[in-house]
Amino acid sequence: MSNLKIPDVFSTHSAAKYCRVTPMTIIRWIEEGRIKAYKTPGGHRRIMRGDLDEFCRATGIPIEWDTRINQGPKRVLVIDDDEQSVNSILDALLDAEGDESMVTFKIAHTDNAFDAGMMMRDLKPEIIFLDLDLTGTDPVRLIASIRHDADLRDCRVVGIASEQTPANMPVDRVLHRPLARGAVRQATGPMPIVKI
């Protein structure tokens, strides 16, 4: 797998993504003197990687780049026969590749469960977008087979639902049609951290 380049200098937006906070929180921490930063001639704040690393370790914030080093692109499988939903997912993921998050995706798509089975075996996706109303498919059975497959049990399943979709589907997250770009991107990002 290829290494992802972690920047030596962060903007407030890229630092916020790595720390899983808002850019305003990063700015506030800079103004409070909690994070060392400098300003460019244009007035933009910049944070050196070592300073951000030191702050995160001192405050117990999990550092996102620790989990990104030595990882290749996120493998995503889209199982959906609705062209508009598929295009919304592709647009959101391709836009995410162009931003400062440095996430890349390997994306496969099918509109039927038969091909999905073969693609899951070959791709071993980390994220599956599943149309919960896919014609000729029992989504509960399909999700159960994913959860029982040793290669897929850690895969995140994002259900794509309509008004007719039954409630309480056994997925990690549900997105409702029409799909919002931000919701798609959030569904592919880090899962919320739960403290025990």
N, C-alpha and C. Protein backbone atom coordinates (compact mmCIF):
# COMPACT_ATOMS: atom_id res chain seq x y z
N MET A 1 0.84 -1.18 0.00
CA MET A 1 0.00 0.00 0.00
C MET A 1 0.88 1.24 0.00
N SER A 2 0.38 2.29 -0.58
CA SER A 2 1.15 3.52 -0.66
C SER A 2 1.00 4.33 0.62
N ASN A 3 2.05 5.11 0.92
CA ASN A 3 1.99 6.01 2.08
C ASN A 3 1.29 7.29 1.69
N LEU A 4 0.51 7.83 2.61
CA LEU A 4 -0.11 9.13 2.39
C LEU A 4 0.80 10.18 2.99
N LYS A 5 1.00 11.27 2.27
CA LYS A 5 1.86 12.35 2.76
C LYS A 5 1.11 13.16 3.79
N ILE A 6 1.68 13.24 4.97
CA ILE A 6 1.12 14.07 6.03
C ILE A 6 1.86 15.41 5.96
N PRO A 7 1.14 16.53 5.91
CA PRO A 7 1.81 17.82 5.73
C PRO A 7 2.67 18.20 6.93
N ASP A 8 3.70 19.00 6.65
CA ASP A 8 4.54 19.53 7.72
C ASP A 8 3.92 20.78 8.34
N VAL A 9 3.06 21.47 7.56
CA VAL A 9 2.40 22.69 8.01
C VAL A 9 0.90 22.54 7.75
N PHE A 10 0.09 22.92 8.75
CA PHE A 10 -1.36 22.78 8.66
C PHE A 10 -2.04 24.15 8.63
N SER A 11 -3.10 24.26 7.85
CA SER A 11 -4.01 25.41 7.97
C SER A 11 -4.93 25.11 9.15
N THR A 12 -5.71 26.09 9.56
CA THR A 12 -6.66 25.83 10.66
C THR A 12 -7.70 24.79 10.22
N HIS A 13 -8.07 24.79 8.94
CA HIS A 13 -9.06 23.82 8.45
C HIS A 13 -8.50 22.41 8.45
N SER A 14 -7.27 22.23 7.96
CA SER A 14 -6.71 20.88 7.93
C SER A 14 -6.40 20.39 9.34
N ALA A 15 -5.95 21.27 10.23
CA ALA A 15 -5.71 20.88 11.62
C ALA A 15 -7.02 20.45 12.28
N ALA A 16 -8.09 21.16 11.96
CA ALA A 16 -9.41 20.82 12.53
C ALA A 16 -9.84 19.43 12.10
N LYS A 17 -9.60 19.08 10.84
CA LYS A 17 -9.99 17.74 10.36
C LYS A 17 -9.22 16.65 11.10
N TYR A 18 -7.92 16.87 11.30
CA TYR A 18 -7.12 15.86 11.99
C TYR A 18 -7.50 15.73 13.46
N CYS A 19 -7.90 16.84 14.08
CA CYS A 19 -8.27 16.83 15.50
C CYS A 19 -9.75 16.54 15.72
N ARG A 20 -10.52 16.49 14.63
CA ARG A 20 -11.96 16.23 14.69
C ARG A 20 -12.71 17.31 15.47
N VAL A 21 -12.32 18.56 15.21
CA VAL A 21 -13.00 19.72 15.79
C VAL A 21 -13.27 20.72 14.68
N THR A 22 -13.89 21.84 15.00
CA THR A 22 -14.16 22.86 13.99
C THR A 22 -12.94 23.77 13.82
N PRO A 23 -12.81 24.43 12.67
CA PRO A 23 -11.73 25.40 12.50
C PRO A 23 -11.77 26.52 13.54
N MET A 24 -12.97 26.92 13.96
CA MET A 24 -13.08 27.97 14.99
C MET A 24 -12.48 27.51 16.32
N THR A 25 -12.60 26.23 16.63
CA THR A 25 -12.00 25.71 17.85
C THR A 25 -10.48 25.79 17.77
N ILE A 26 -9.93 25.44 16.62
CA ILE A 26 -8.47 25.54 16.42
C ILE A 26 -8.03 26.99 16.58
N ILE A 27 -8.76 27.92 15.96
CA ILE A 27 -8.43 29.35 16.06
C ILE A 27 -8.47 29.80 17.52
N ARG A 28 -9.50 29.37 18.24
CA ARG A 28 -9.61 29.75 19.66
C ARG A 28 -8.42 29.21 20.45
N TRP A 29 -8.03 27.96 20.20
CA TRP A 29 -6.89 27.39 20.91
C TRP A 29 -5.60 28.14 20.57
N ILE A 30 -5.47 28.58 19.32
CA ILE A 30 -4.29 29.38 18.93
C ILE A 30 -4.30 30.70 19.69
N GLU A 31 -5.45 31.38 19.70
CA GLU A 31 -5.56 32.68 20.38
C GLU A 31 -5.35 32.56 21.88
N GLU A 32 -5.72 31.42 22.46
CA GLU A 32 -5.50 31.19 23.89
C GLU A 32 -4.05 30.79 24.19
N GLY A 33 -3.25 30.58 23.14
CA GLY A 33 -1.86 30.19 23.32
C GLY A 33 -1.66 28.71 23.58
N ARG A 34 -2.69 27.92 23.38
CA ARG A 34 -2.59 26.49 23.63
C ARG A 34 -1.89 25.75 22.49
N ILE A 35 -2.03 26.27 21.26
CA ILE A 35 -1.34 25.71 20.10
C ILE A 35 -0.43 26.79 19.54
N LYS A 36 0.83 26.45 19.32
CA LYS A 36 1.77 27.39 18.70
C LYS A 36 1.42 27.51 17.22
N ALA A 37 1.40 28.74 16.73
CA ALA A 37 1.09 28.97 15.32
C ALA A 37 1.74 30.27 14.87
N TYR A 38 1.77 30.47 13.57
CA TYR A 38 2.27 31.73 13.01
C TYR A 38 1.29 32.18 11.94
N LYS A 39 1.45 33.43 11.51
CA LYS A 39 0.60 33.96 10.45
C LYS A 39 1.43 34.20 9.21
N THR A 40 0.82 33.90 8.06
CA THR A 40 1.45 34.19 6.78
C THR A 40 1.33 35.69 6.52
N PRO A 41 2.07 36.23 5.53
CA PRO A 41 1.92 37.64 5.20
C PRO A 41 0.47 38.01 4.85
N GLY A 42 -0.30 37.04 4.38
CA GLY A 42 -1.71 37.29 4.06
C GLY A 42 -2.64 37.19 5.26
N GLY A 43 -2.09 36.91 6.45
CA GLY A 43 -2.90 36.85 7.66
C GLY A 43 -3.49 35.49 7.98
N HIS A 44 -3.10 34.45 7.25
CA HIS A 44 -3.62 33.11 7.50
C HIS A 44 -2.77 32.41 8.56
N ARG A 45 -3.44 31.73 9.47
CA ARG A 45 -2.73 31.02 10.53
C ARG A 45 -2.20 29.69 10.00
N ARG A 46 -1.01 29.33 10.43
CA ARG A 46 -0.39 28.06 10.07
C ARG A 46 0.20 27.42 11.31
N ILE A 47 0.12 26.10 11.37
CA ILE A 47 0.59 25.33 12.52
C ILE A 47 1.59 24.29 12.02
N MET A 48 2.74 24.25 12.64
CA MET A 48 3.74 23.23 12.30
C MET A 48 3.26 21.88 12.83
N ARG A 49 3.56 20.83 12.08
CA ARG A 49 3.10 19.50 12.47
C ARG A 49 3.57 19.13 13.87
N GLY A 50 4.82 19.42 14.20
CA GLY A 50 5.33 19.09 15.53
C GLY A 50 4.56 19.79 16.65
N ASP A 51 4.16 21.05 16.41
CA ASP A 51 3.40 21.78 17.41
C ASP A 51 2.00 21.20 17.58
N LEU A 52 1.37 20.82 16.47
CA LEU A 52 0.04 20.21 16.55
C LEU A 52 0.13 18.85 17.23
N ASP A 53 1.14 18.09 16.89
CA ASP A 53 1.36 16.77 17.48
C ASP A 53 1.55 16.90 19.00
N GLU A 54 2.38 17.86 19.42
CA GLU A 54 2.64 18.09 20.84
C GLU A 54 1.35 18.45 21.58
N PHE A 55 0.55 19.36 20.99
CA PHE A 55 -0.71 19.77 21.61
C PHE A 55 -1.66 18.58 21.74
N CYS A 56 -1.81 17.81 20.67
CA CYS A 56 -2.74 16.67 20.70
C CYS A 56 -2.33 15.64 21.74
N ARG A 57 -1.06 15.33 21.80
CA ARG A 57 -0.60 14.35 22.77
C ARG A 57 -0.77 14.86 24.21
N ALA A 58 -0.52 16.15 24.43
CA ALA A 58 -0.65 16.73 25.77
C ALA A 58 -2.10 16.77 26.23
N THR A 59 -3.02 16.93 25.30
CA THR A 59 -4.44 17.04 25.66
C THR A 59 -5.21 15.74 25.49
N GLY A 60 -4.54 14.70 24.99
CA GLY A 60 -5.21 13.41 24.83
C GLY A 60 -6.10 13.31 23.60
N ILE A 61 -5.92 14.21 22.65
CA ILE A 61 -6.71 14.14 21.42
C ILE A 61 -6.09 13.07 20.52
N PRO A 62 -6.87 12.06 20.11
CA PRO A 62 -6.32 11.05 19.19
C PRO A 62 -5.87 11.73 17.90
N ILE A 63 -4.70 11.37 17.42
CA ILE A 63 -4.14 12.03 16.25
C ILE A 63 -4.50 11.23 15.01
N GLU A 64 -5.23 11.87 14.12
CA GLU A 64 -5.73 11.21 12.92
C GLU A 64 -4.62 10.67 12.04
N TRP A 65 -3.46 11.37 11.97
CA TRP A 65 -2.44 10.88 11.04
C TRP A 65 -1.81 9.60 11.52
N ASP A 66 -1.91 9.29 12.81
CA ASP A 66 -1.41 8.00 13.29
C ASP A 66 -2.10 6.85 12.58
N THR A 67 -3.37 7.03 12.23
CA THR A 67 -4.12 5.97 11.57
C THR A 67 -4.05 6.07 10.05
N ARG A 68 -3.49 7.16 9.53
CA ARG A 68 -3.44 7.32 8.07
C ARG A 68 -2.11 6.90 7.47
N ILE A 69 -1.08 6.82 8.27
CA ILE A 69 0.22 6.45 7.74
C ILE A 69 0.17 5.00 7.30
N ASN A 70 0.77 4.71 6.16
CA ASN A 70 0.84 3.37 5.58
C ASN A 70 -0.51 2.83 5.14
N GLN A 71 -1.47 3.67 4.92
CA GLN A 71 -2.75 3.22 4.40
C GLN A 71 -2.89 3.70 2.98
N GLY A 72 -3.48 2.87 2.16
CA GLY A 72 -3.76 3.26 0.80
C GLY A 72 -5.13 3.91 0.74
N PRO A 73 -5.70 3.95 -0.44
CA PRO A 73 -7.03 4.56 -0.57
C PRO A 73 -8.09 3.75 0.17
N LYS A 74 -9.10 4.45 0.66
CA LYS A 74 -10.24 3.76 1.27
C LYS A 74 -10.99 3.04 0.15
N ARG A 75 -11.29 1.77 0.38
CA ARG A 75 -12.01 0.97 -0.61
C ARG A 75 -13.50 1.10 -0.34
N VAL A 76 -14.23 1.57 -1.35
CA VAL A 76 -15.66 1.85 -1.20
C VAL A 76 -16.43 1.08 -2.27
N LEU A 77 -17.50 0.41 -1.85
CA LEU A 77 -18.39 -0.26 -2.78
C LEU A 77 -19.77 0.40 -2.67
N VAL A 78 -20.31 0.81 -3.81
CA VAL A 78 -21.64 1.41 -3.86
C VAL A 78 -22.57 0.38 -4.51
N ILE A 79 -23.59 -0.05 -3.76
CA ILE A 79 -24.57 -1.01 -4.26
C ILE A 79 -25.90 -0.27 -4.32
N ASP A 80 -26.23 0.23 -5.49
CA ASP A 80 -27.41 1.08 -5.64
C ASP A 80 -27.79 1.14 -7.10
N ASP A 81 -29.10 1.09 -7.38
CA ASP A 81 -29.56 1.18 -8.77
C ASP A 81 -30.18 2.55 -9.08
N ASP A 82 -30.09 3.48 -8.12
CA ASP A 82 -30.62 4.82 -8.34
C ASP A 82 -29.49 5.73 -8.83
N GLU A 83 -29.56 6.13 -10.09
CA GLU A 83 -28.48 6.89 -10.71
C GLU A 83 -28.17 8.19 -9.97
N GLN A 84 -29.20 8.88 -9.51
CA GLN A 84 -28.99 10.15 -8.80
C GLN A 84 -28.21 9.93 -7.50
N SER A 85 -28.56 8.88 -6.76
CA SER A 85 -27.85 8.58 -5.51
C SER A 85 -26.40 8.21 -5.78
N VAL A 86 -26.18 7.38 -6.79
CA VAL A 86 -24.82 6.97 -7.14
C VAL A 86 -23.99 8.19 -7.51
N ASN A 87 -24.54 9.07 -8.34
CA ASN A 87 -23.81 10.28 -8.74
C ASN A 87 -23.52 11.18 -7.54
N SER A 88 -24.47 11.28 -6.61
CA SER A 88 -24.24 12.10 -5.40
C SER A 88 -23.08 11.54 -4.58
N ILE A 89 -23.03 10.23 -4.44
CA ILE A 89 -21.94 9.59 -3.68
C ILE A 89 -20.61 9.83 -4.38
N LEU A 90 -20.58 9.57 -5.69
CA LEU A 90 -19.33 9.75 -6.44
C LEU A 90 -18.85 11.19 -6.38
N ASP A 91 -19.77 12.14 -6.57
CA ASP A 91 -19.39 13.56 -6.50
C ASP A 91 -18.79 13.91 -5.14
N ALA A 92 -19.44 13.45 -4.07
CA ALA A 92 -18.96 13.77 -2.72
C ALA A 92 -17.58 13.16 -2.47
N LEU A 93 -17.37 11.92 -2.90
CA LEU A 93 -16.09 11.27 -2.66
C LEU A 93 -14.98 11.86 -3.52
N LEU A 94 -15.29 12.18 -4.76
CA LEU A 94 -14.27 12.78 -5.62
C LEU A 94 -13.91 14.18 -5.15
N ASP A 95 -14.89 14.93 -4.64
CA ASP A 95 -14.60 16.25 -4.06
C ASP A 95 -13.73 16.10 -2.82
N ALA A 96 -13.99 15.06 -2.02
CA ALA A 96 -13.20 14.85 -0.80
C ALA A 96 -11.74 14.57 -1.14
N GLU A 97 -11.49 13.92 -2.28
CA GLU A 97 -10.11 13.65 -2.67
C GLU A 97 -9.35 14.94 -2.97
N GLY A 98 -10.08 15.97 -3.40
CA GLY A 98 -9.43 17.22 -3.77
C GLY A 98 -9.21 18.17 -2.62
N ASP A 99 -9.78 17.90 -1.44
CA ASP A 99 -9.60 18.85 -0.33
C ASP A 99 -8.34 18.52 0.46
N GLU A 100 -8.16 19.19 1.58
CA GLU A 100 -6.93 19.05 2.35
C GLU A 100 -6.91 17.81 3.23
N SER A 101 -7.94 16.97 3.19
CA SER A 101 -7.99 15.82 4.08
C SER A 101 -7.06 14.70 3.65
N MET A 102 -6.58 14.73 2.41
CA MET A 102 -5.66 13.74 1.87
C MET A 102 -6.24 12.35 1.81
N VAL A 103 -7.54 12.21 1.84
CA VAL A 103 -8.17 10.91 1.70
C VAL A 103 -8.34 10.62 0.22
N THR A 104 -8.01 9.39 -0.17
CA THR A 104 -8.28 8.96 -1.53
C THR A 104 -9.18 7.73 -1.45
N PHE A 105 -9.88 7.48 -2.53
CA PHE A 105 -10.83 6.38 -2.56
C PHE A 105 -10.62 5.50 -3.77
N LYS A 106 -10.81 4.21 -3.58
CA LYS A 106 -10.92 3.26 -4.68
C LYS A 106 -12.39 2.86 -4.66
N ILE A 107 -13.12 3.23 -5.71
CA ILE A 107 -14.57 3.10 -5.71
C ILE A 107 -15.02 2.09 -6.76
N ALA A 108 -15.91 1.19 -6.35
CA ALA A 108 -16.55 0.27 -7.28
C ALA A 108 -18.06 0.43 -7.13
N HIS A 109 -18.79 0.15 -8.20
CA HIS A 109 -20.24 0.31 -8.17
C HIS A 109 -20.91 -0.86 -8.88
N THR A 110 -22.04 -1.27 -8.33
CA THR A 110 -22.91 -2.23 -8.99
C THR A 110 -24.35 -1.89 -8.65
N ASP A 111 -25.25 -2.36 -9.51
CA ASP A 111 -26.66 -2.09 -9.26
C ASP A 111 -27.43 -3.36 -8.89
N ASN A 112 -26.69 -4.45 -8.53
CA ASN A 112 -27.39 -5.68 -8.14
C ASN A 112 -26.57 -6.46 -7.11
N ALA A 113 -27.27 -7.28 -6.34
CA ALA A 113 -26.64 -8.01 -5.24
C ALA A 113 -25.72 -9.11 -5.72
N PHE A 114 -26.01 -9.73 -6.87
CA PHE A 114 -25.16 -10.81 -7.38
C PHE A 114 -23.75 -10.29 -7.65
N ASP A 115 -23.65 -9.22 -8.43
CA ASP A 115 -22.34 -8.63 -8.70
C ASP A 115 -21.69 -8.10 -7.42
N ALA A 116 -22.51 -7.61 -6.50
CA ALA A 116 -21.99 -7.07 -5.24
C ALA A 116 -21.22 -8.15 -4.48
N GLY A 117 -21.73 -9.38 -4.49
CA GLY A 117 -21.05 -10.47 -3.80
C GLY A 117 -19.65 -10.70 -4.33
N MET A 118 -19.52 -10.71 -5.66
CA MET A 118 -18.19 -10.90 -6.26
C MET A 118 -17.29 -9.70 -5.98
N MET A 119 -17.86 -8.49 -6.05
CA MET A 119 -17.06 -7.29 -5.81
C MET A 119 -16.60 -7.21 -4.36
N MET A 120 -17.43 -7.63 -3.43
CA MET A 120 -17.03 -7.61 -2.02
C MET A 120 -15.86 -8.56 -1.80
N ARG A 121 -15.91 -9.72 -2.44
CA ARG A 121 -14.83 -10.69 -2.30
C ARG A 121 -13.51 -10.14 -2.86
N ASP A 122 -13.59 -9.49 -4.02
CA ASP A 122 -12.37 -8.99 -4.68
C ASP A 122 -11.85 -7.69 -4.07
N LEU A 123 -12.75 -6.74 -3.79
CA LEU A 123 -12.36 -5.41 -3.31
C LEU A 123 -12.09 -5.38 -1.81
N LYS A 124 -12.81 -6.22 -1.05
CA LYS A 124 -12.76 -6.17 0.41
C LYS A 124 -12.95 -4.73 0.90
N PRO A 125 -14.12 -4.16 0.61
CA PRO A 125 -14.35 -2.74 0.91
C PRO A 125 -14.31 -2.44 2.40
N GLU A 126 -13.89 -1.21 2.69
CA GLU A 126 -13.93 -0.72 4.07
C GLU A 126 -15.27 -0.04 4.34
N ILE A 127 -15.90 0.47 3.27
CA ILE A 127 -17.18 1.15 3.38
C ILE A 127 -18.08 0.64 2.26
N ILE A 128 -19.32 0.29 2.61
CA ILE A 128 -20.31 -0.10 1.61
C ILE A 128 -21.50 0.83 1.73
N PHE A 129 -21.85 1.47 0.63
CA PHE A 129 -23.10 2.23 0.55
C PHE A 129 -24.12 1.27 -0.05
N LEU A 130 -25.16 0.94 0.72
CA LEU A 130 -26.13 -0.06 0.30
C LEU A 130 -27.52 0.54 0.19
N ASP A 131 -28.09 0.43 -1.00
CA ASP A 131 -29.48 0.84 -1.23
C ASP A 131 -30.37 -0.14 -0.48
N LEU A 132 -31.03 0.33 0.56
CA LEU A 132 -31.87 -0.54 1.38
C LEU A 132 -33.18 -0.92 0.69
N ASP A 133 -33.44 -0.32 -0.47
CA ASP A 133 -34.64 -0.63 -1.25
C ASP A 133 -34.28 -1.26 -2.59
N LEU A 134 -33.09 -1.85 -2.70
CA LEU A 134 -32.62 -2.41 -3.96
C LEU A 134 -33.54 -3.54 -4.42
N THR A 135 -33.99 -3.44 -5.64
CA THR A 135 -34.91 -4.41 -6.22
C THR A 135 -34.32 -5.82 -6.15
N GLY A 136 -35.12 -6.77 -5.67
CA GLY A 136 -34.71 -8.17 -5.63
C GLY A 136 -33.71 -8.50 -4.55
N THR A 137 -33.56 -7.63 -3.56
CA THR A 137 -32.55 -7.85 -2.52
C THR A 137 -33.20 -7.78 -1.14
N ASP A 138 -32.82 -8.72 -0.29
CA ASP A 138 -33.21 -8.66 1.12
C ASP A 138 -32.05 -8.00 1.87
N PRO A 139 -32.17 -6.70 2.18
CA PRO A 139 -31.03 -6.00 2.78
C PRO A 139 -30.59 -6.58 4.12
N VAL A 140 -31.52 -7.09 4.91
CA VAL A 140 -31.15 -7.64 6.21
C VAL A 140 -30.27 -8.88 6.03
N ARG A 141 -30.63 -9.73 5.07
CA ARG A 141 -29.80 -10.92 4.78
C ARG A 141 -28.44 -10.53 4.24
N LEU A 142 -28.42 -9.55 3.34
CA LEU A 142 -27.15 -9.11 2.76
C LEU A 142 -26.24 -8.53 3.83
N ILE A 143 -26.79 -7.71 4.71
CA ILE A 143 -25.99 -7.12 5.80
C ILE A 143 -25.48 -8.21 6.74
N ALA A 144 -26.33 -9.21 7.03
CA ALA A 144 -25.92 -10.32 7.90
C ALA A 144 -24.75 -11.08 7.28
N SER A 145 -24.80 -11.29 5.96
CA SER A 145 -23.70 -12.01 5.30
C SER A 145 -22.41 -11.19 5.34
N ILE A 146 -22.53 -9.87 5.25
CA ILE A 146 -21.35 -9.01 5.36
C ILE A 146 -20.75 -9.13 6.77
N ARG A 147 -21.60 -9.07 7.79
CA ARG A 147 -21.14 -9.11 9.18
C ARG A 147 -20.50 -10.46 9.55
N HIS A 148 -20.92 -11.54 8.86
CA HIS A 148 -20.38 -12.86 9.17
C HIS A 148 -19.15 -13.21 8.34
N ASP A 149 -18.79 -12.39 7.38
CA ASP A 149 -17.61 -12.62 6.54
C ASP A 149 -16.38 -12.06 7.26
N ALA A 150 -15.39 -12.91 7.52
CA ALA A 150 -14.20 -12.48 8.26
C ALA A 150 -13.49 -11.31 7.59
N ASP A 151 -13.50 -11.25 6.26
CA ASP A 151 -12.83 -10.16 5.54
C ASP A 151 -13.63 -8.86 5.57
N LEU A 152 -14.91 -8.94 5.92
CA LEU A 152 -15.78 -7.76 5.84
C LEU A 152 -16.36 -7.33 7.19
N ARG A 153 -16.13 -8.08 8.23
CA ARG A 153 -16.84 -7.80 9.49
C ARG A 153 -16.54 -6.41 10.05
N ASP A 154 -15.39 -5.81 9.70
CA ASP A 154 -15.08 -4.46 10.16
C ASP A 154 -15.52 -3.39 9.17
N CYS A 155 -16.15 -3.82 8.09
CA CYS A 155 -16.61 -2.90 7.05
C CYS A 155 -17.76 -2.04 7.58
N ARG A 156 -17.73 -0.76 7.26
CA ARG A 156 -18.81 0.15 7.64
C ARG A 156 -19.90 0.05 6.57
N VAL A 157 -21.13 -0.22 6.99
CA VAL A 157 -22.25 -0.30 6.06
C VAL A 157 -23.12 0.94 6.25
N VAL A 158 -23.23 1.71 5.17
CA VAL A 158 -24.03 2.93 5.18
C VAL A 158 -25.28 2.64 4.35
N GLY A 159 -26.43 2.64 5.00
CA GLY A 159 -27.68 2.37 4.29
C GLY A 159 -28.21 3.63 3.62
N ILE A 160 -28.72 3.46 2.41
CA ILE A 160 -29.35 4.55 1.68
C ILE A 160 -30.85 4.27 1.70
N ALA A 161 -31.60 5.15 2.33
CA ALA A 161 -33.01 4.89 2.60
C ALA A 161 -33.92 5.88 1.88
N SER A 162 -35.14 5.41 1.66
CA SER A 162 -36.20 6.27 1.15
C SER A 162 -37.30 6.30 2.21
N GLU A 163 -38.39 6.96 1.89
CA GLU A 163 -39.51 7.02 2.84
C GLU A 163 -40.12 5.64 3.08
N GLN A 164 -39.99 4.73 2.11
CA GLN A 164 -40.57 3.39 2.23
C GLN A 164 -39.68 2.39 2.97
N THR A 165 -38.46 2.77 3.29
CA THR A 165 -37.52 1.86 3.93
C THR A 165 -37.98 1.57 5.36
N PRO A 166 -38.01 0.27 5.74
CA PRO A 166 -38.36 -0.05 7.13
C PRO A 166 -37.34 0.55 8.10
N ALA A 167 -37.79 0.89 9.28
CA ALA A 167 -36.90 1.47 10.30
C ALA A 167 -36.04 0.37 10.92
N ASN A 168 -35.05 0.77 11.67
CA ASN A 168 -34.19 -0.13 12.44
C ASN A 168 -33.42 -1.14 11.59
N MET A 169 -32.87 -0.69 10.49
CA MET A 169 -32.03 -1.57 9.68
C MET A 169 -30.67 -1.72 10.37
N PRO A 170 -30.05 -2.91 10.29
CA PRO A 170 -28.79 -3.16 11.01
C PRO A 170 -27.55 -2.61 10.29
N VAL A 171 -27.53 -1.29 10.11
CA VAL A 171 -26.41 -0.63 9.43
C VAL A 171 -25.72 0.32 10.41
N ASP A 172 -24.53 0.78 10.03
CA ASP A 172 -23.77 1.69 10.89
C ASP A 172 -24.31 3.11 10.84
N ARG A 173 -24.85 3.47 9.69
CA ARG A 173 -25.40 4.82 9.50
C ARG A 173 -26.43 4.75 8.39
N VAL A 174 -27.45 5.60 8.47
CA VAL A 174 -28.48 5.67 7.43
C VAL A 174 -28.46 7.07 6.83
N LEU A 175 -28.44 7.14 5.51
CA LEU A 175 -28.57 8.40 4.78
C LEU A 175 -29.89 8.35 4.03
N HIS A 176 -30.61 9.45 4.03
CA HIS A 176 -31.90 9.51 3.35
C HIS A 176 -31.79 10.24 2.03
N ARG A 177 -32.53 9.73 1.04
CA ARG A 177 -32.59 10.40 -0.26
C ARG A 177 -33.41 11.67 -0.14
N PRO A 178 -33.04 12.72 -0.88
CA PRO A 178 -31.85 12.86 -1.71
C PRO A 178 -30.62 13.01 -0.83
N LEU A 179 -29.49 12.47 -1.30
CA LEU A 179 -28.27 12.44 -0.50
C LEU A 179 -27.57 13.80 -0.49
N ALA A 180 -27.23 14.25 0.69
CA ALA A 180 -26.49 15.50 0.84
C ALA A 180 -24.99 15.18 0.80
N ARG A 181 -24.24 16.01 0.10
CA ARG A 181 -22.80 15.80 -0.06
C ARG A 181 -22.10 15.70 1.30
N GLY A 182 -22.44 16.61 2.20
CA GLY A 182 -21.81 16.60 3.52
C GLY A 182 -22.09 15.32 4.29
N ALA A 183 -23.29 14.80 4.17
CA ALA A 183 -23.65 13.56 4.86
C ALA A 183 -22.86 12.38 4.32
N VAL A 184 -22.68 12.35 3.00
CA VAL A 184 -21.89 11.27 2.38
C VAL A 184 -20.45 11.34 2.88
N ARG A 185 -19.87 12.53 2.88
CA ARG A 185 -18.48 12.68 3.31
C ARG A 185 -18.34 12.33 4.79
N GLN A 186 -19.31 12.73 5.59
CA GLN A 186 -19.26 12.41 7.02
C GLN A 186 -19.34 10.89 7.23
N ALA A 187 -20.11 10.22 6.41
CA ALA A 187 -20.26 8.77 6.53
C ALA A 187 -18.98 8.02 6.21
N THR A 188 -18.06 8.64 5.46
CA THR A 188 -16.80 7.99 5.11
C THR A 188 -15.67 8.40 6.04
N GLY A 189 -15.92 9.36 6.92
CA GLY A 189 -14.88 9.85 7.82
C GLY A 189 -14.75 8.99 9.06
N PRO A 190 -13.95 9.47 10.01
CA PRO A 190 -13.77 8.71 11.25
C PRO A 190 -15.10 8.54 11.97
N MET A 191 -15.29 7.36 12.54
CA MET A 191 -16.48 7.13 13.34
C MET A 191 -16.32 7.90 14.65
N PRO A 192 -17.44 8.31 15.25
CA PRO A 192 -17.35 9.04 16.52
C PRO A 192 -16.60 8.23 17.57
N ILE A 193 -15.80 8.91 18.37
CA ILE A 193 -15.04 8.25 19.42
C ILE A 193 -15.93 8.14 20.65
N VAL A 194 -16.05 6.92 21.16
CA VAL A 194 -16.87 6.69 22.35
C VAL A 194 -15.93 6.36 23.50
N LYS A 195 -15.98 7.16 24.57
CA LYS A 195 -15.14 6.89 25.74
C LYS A 195 -15.87 5.91 26.64
N ILE A 196 -15.14 4.93 27.11
CA ILE A 196 -15.73 3.90 27.98
C ILE A 196 -15.32 4.19 29.41
